[in-house]
Amino acid sequence: MKEEYDFSSARKNPYVKRLKQQVTINLDSEAVAYFKALAEKLGIPYQTLINLYLSDCAKSKKEPKISWN
């Protein structure tokens, strides 16, 4: 590796806004099974499908309907 590199003509990463953050989350077995089955039917990884669904919820500002009865 060189001791000094010249980055004066470098450009910023155009995909930096699309980077993903790794998280640990506990999900119901039924929810995971649902997304795995749907993902297999659609031919995409289930984690990608979950991410697409959550991204859609965030973009449309969906709020859950919670009832504690």
N, C-alpha and C. Protein backbone atom coordinates (compact mmCIF):
# COMPACT_ATOMS: atom_id res chain seq x y z
N MET A 1 0.85 -1.18 0.00
CA MET A 1 0.00 0.00 0.00
C MET A 1 0.89 1.24 0.00
N LYS A 2 0.49 2.20 -0.78
CA LYS A 2 1.25 3.45 -0.83
C LYS A 2 1.10 4.21 0.48
N GLU A 3 2.09 4.99 0.81
CA GLU A 3 2.03 5.79 2.04
C GLU A 3 1.07 6.97 1.87
N GLU A 4 0.95 7.46 0.64
CA GLU A 4 0.09 8.62 0.43
C GLU A 4 -0.69 8.43 -0.87
N TYR A 5 -1.99 8.64 -0.79
CA TYR A 5 -2.84 8.56 -1.96
C TYR A 5 -3.42 9.94 -2.24
N ASP A 6 -3.68 10.20 -3.51
CA ASP A 6 -4.26 11.48 -3.91
C ASP A 6 -5.74 11.30 -4.18
N PHE A 7 -6.59 11.80 -3.29
CA PHE A 7 -8.03 11.71 -3.44
C PHE A 7 -8.64 13.03 -3.91
N SER A 8 -7.85 13.92 -4.43
CA SER A 8 -8.35 15.24 -4.83
C SER A 8 -9.37 15.16 -5.97
N SER A 9 -9.28 14.14 -6.81
CA SER A 9 -10.23 14.03 -7.92
C SER A 9 -11.29 12.95 -7.66
N ALA A 10 -11.34 12.45 -6.44
CA ALA A 10 -12.33 11.42 -6.10
C ALA A 10 -13.72 12.02 -5.99
N ARG A 11 -14.72 11.19 -6.22
CA ARG A 11 -16.10 11.66 -6.06
C ARG A 11 -16.77 10.85 -4.96
N LYS A 12 -17.80 11.44 -4.37
CA LYS A 12 -18.51 10.80 -3.28
C LYS A 12 -19.28 9.58 -3.78
N ASN A 13 -19.48 8.63 -2.89
CA ASN A 13 -20.24 7.43 -3.21
C ASN A 13 -21.70 7.80 -3.48
N PRO A 14 -22.21 7.53 -4.70
CA PRO A 14 -23.60 7.92 -5.00
C PRO A 14 -24.62 7.03 -4.30
N TYR A 15 -24.19 5.92 -3.72
CA TYR A 15 -25.10 4.99 -3.08
C TYR A 15 -25.11 5.11 -1.56
N VAL A 16 -24.44 6.12 -1.01
CA VAL A 16 -24.32 6.24 0.43
C VAL A 16 -25.68 6.35 1.12
N LYS A 17 -26.67 6.95 0.47
CA LYS A 17 -28.00 7.08 1.07
C LYS A 17 -28.75 5.76 1.07
N ARG A 18 -28.30 4.79 0.29
CA ARG A 18 -28.99 3.51 0.17
C ARG A 18 -28.37 2.43 1.06
N LEU A 19 -27.38 2.79 1.87
CA LEU A 19 -26.76 1.82 2.74
C LEU A 19 -27.76 1.31 3.77
N LYS A 20 -27.60 0.06 4.17
CA LYS A 20 -28.53 -0.53 5.13
C LYS A 20 -27.88 -0.65 6.50
N GLN A 21 -28.71 -0.63 7.51
CA GLN A 21 -28.25 -0.76 8.89
C GLN A 21 -28.66 -2.13 9.40
N GLN A 22 -27.71 -2.87 9.93
CA GLN A 22 -28.02 -4.19 10.47
C GLN A 22 -28.60 -4.04 11.86
N VAL A 23 -29.73 -4.74 12.10
CA VAL A 23 -30.38 -4.71 13.41
C VAL A 23 -30.78 -6.13 13.80
N THR A 24 -31.00 -6.31 15.07
CA THR A 24 -31.53 -7.57 15.57
C THR A 24 -32.95 -7.30 16.02
N ILE A 25 -33.89 -8.13 15.57
CA ILE A 25 -35.30 -7.92 15.88
C ILE A 25 -35.96 -9.27 16.15
N ASN A 26 -36.84 -9.29 17.12
CA ASN A 26 -37.59 -10.51 17.43
C ASN A 26 -38.95 -10.43 16.74
N LEU A 27 -39.24 -11.42 15.90
CA LEU A 27 -40.50 -11.45 15.16
C LEU A 27 -41.25 -12.73 15.50
N ASP A 28 -42.57 -12.65 15.41
CA ASP A 28 -43.39 -13.85 15.61
C ASP A 28 -43.07 -14.88 14.54
N SER A 29 -43.12 -16.14 14.93
CA SER A 29 -42.86 -17.23 13.98
C SER A 29 -43.83 -17.19 12.81
N GLU A 30 -45.08 -16.85 13.09
CA GLU A 30 -46.10 -16.78 12.03
C GLU A 30 -45.76 -15.70 11.01
N ALA A 31 -45.27 -14.55 11.48
CA ALA A 31 -44.91 -13.46 10.58
C ALA A 31 -43.73 -13.86 9.70
N VAL A 32 -42.74 -14.49 10.29
CA VAL A 32 -41.57 -14.93 9.52
C VAL A 32 -41.99 -15.97 8.49
N ALA A 33 -42.82 -16.92 8.89
CA ALA A 33 -43.28 -17.97 7.97
C ALA A 33 -44.06 -17.36 6.81
N TYR A 34 -44.90 -16.36 7.11
CA TYR A 34 -45.68 -15.69 6.07
C TYR A 34 -44.76 -15.03 5.04
N PHE A 35 -43.78 -14.26 5.52
CA PHE A 35 -42.89 -13.56 4.60
C PHE A 35 -41.97 -14.54 3.86
N LYS A 36 -41.57 -15.63 4.50
CA LYS A 36 -40.74 -16.62 3.80
C LYS A 36 -41.52 -17.28 2.66
N ALA A 37 -42.77 -17.63 2.93
CA ALA A 37 -43.61 -18.26 1.89
C ALA A 37 -43.88 -17.29 0.75
N LEU A 38 -44.20 -16.05 1.08
CA LEU A 38 -44.46 -15.04 0.05
C LEU A 38 -43.20 -14.75 -0.76
N ALA A 39 -42.07 -14.67 -0.08
CA ALA A 39 -40.80 -14.40 -0.76
C ALA A 39 -40.44 -15.53 -1.72
N GLU A 40 -40.69 -16.77 -1.30
CA GLU A 40 -40.40 -17.91 -2.18
C GLU A 40 -41.30 -17.85 -3.42
N LYS A 41 -42.56 -17.50 -3.21
CA LYS A 41 -43.51 -17.38 -4.32
C LYS A 41 -43.06 -16.29 -5.30
N LEU A 42 -42.53 -15.18 -4.76
CA LEU A 42 -42.10 -14.05 -5.59
C LEU A 42 -40.68 -14.20 -6.12
N GLY A 43 -39.92 -15.12 -5.53
CA GLY A 43 -38.55 -15.36 -6.00
C GLY A 43 -37.54 -14.34 -5.50
N ILE A 44 -37.78 -13.80 -4.30
CA ILE A 44 -36.82 -12.87 -3.70
C ILE A 44 -36.53 -13.30 -2.27
N PRO A 45 -35.40 -12.90 -1.69
CA PRO A 45 -35.10 -13.26 -0.30
C PRO A 45 -36.13 -12.65 0.66
N TYR A 46 -36.47 -13.41 1.70
CA TYR A 46 -37.52 -12.94 2.61
C TYR A 46 -37.12 -11.69 3.38
N GLN A 47 -35.83 -11.53 3.69
CA GLN A 47 -35.40 -10.32 4.39
C GLN A 47 -35.55 -9.10 3.49
N THR A 48 -35.32 -9.26 2.20
CA THR A 48 -35.53 -8.18 1.25
C THR A 48 -37.01 -7.82 1.18
N LEU A 49 -37.87 -8.83 1.19
CA LEU A 49 -39.31 -8.58 1.16
C LEU A 49 -39.76 -7.83 2.41
N ILE A 50 -39.28 -8.25 3.58
CA ILE A 50 -39.62 -7.55 4.82
C ILE A 50 -39.14 -6.11 4.76
N ASN A 51 -37.93 -5.89 4.26
CA ASN A 51 -37.39 -4.53 4.14
C ASN A 51 -38.24 -3.69 3.19
N LEU A 52 -38.65 -4.26 2.06
CA LEU A 52 -39.50 -3.53 1.11
C LEU A 52 -40.82 -3.14 1.76
N TYR A 53 -41.41 -4.07 2.51
CA TYR A 53 -42.69 -3.79 3.17
C TYR A 53 -42.54 -2.69 4.22
N LEU A 54 -41.51 -2.80 5.06
CA LEU A 54 -41.29 -1.78 6.09
C LEU A 54 -40.95 -0.42 5.48
N SER A 55 -40.19 -0.41 4.40
CA SER A 55 -39.87 0.84 3.71
C SER A 55 -41.13 1.49 3.16
N ASP A 56 -42.03 0.68 2.60
CA ASP A 56 -43.29 1.19 2.08
C ASP A 56 -44.13 1.78 3.21
N CYS A 57 -44.16 1.11 4.36
CA CYS A 57 -44.90 1.63 5.52
C CYS A 57 -44.32 2.97 5.96
N ALA A 58 -43.01 3.07 6.00
CA ALA A 58 -42.36 4.30 6.45
C ALA A 58 -42.62 5.44 5.46
N LYS A 59 -42.53 5.15 4.16
CA LYS A 59 -42.74 6.20 3.16
C LYS A 59 -44.17 6.72 3.17
N SER A 60 -45.13 5.83 3.39
CA SER A 60 -46.53 6.25 3.39
C SER A 60 -47.01 6.62 4.80
N LYS A 61 -46.10 6.60 5.76
CA LYS A 61 -46.39 7.00 7.15
C LYS A 61 -47.56 6.23 7.74
N LYS A 62 -47.58 4.91 7.47
CA LYS A 62 -48.62 4.06 8.04
C LYS A 62 -48.41 3.91 9.54
N GLU A 63 -49.51 3.89 10.26
CA GLU A 63 -49.46 3.69 11.70
C GLU A 63 -50.26 2.44 12.04
N PRO A 64 -49.76 1.63 12.96
CA PRO A 64 -50.49 0.40 13.32
C PRO A 64 -51.77 0.72 14.09
N LYS A 65 -52.76 -0.14 13.92
CA LYS A 65 -54.00 -0.03 14.68
C LYS A 65 -53.87 -1.02 15.84
N ILE A 66 -53.68 -0.49 17.04
CA ILE A 66 -53.44 -1.32 18.21
C ILE A 66 -54.63 -1.25 19.14
N SER A 67 -55.10 -2.41 19.58
CA SER A 67 -56.19 -2.49 20.55
C SER A 67 -55.75 -3.40 21.69
N TRP A 68 -55.81 -2.91 22.90
CA TRP A 68 -55.35 -3.68 24.07
C TRP A 68 -56.49 -4.36 24.79
N ASN A 69 -57.62 -4.57 24.12
CA ASN A 69 -58.78 -5.21 24.76
C ASN A 69 -58.66 -6.69 24.79
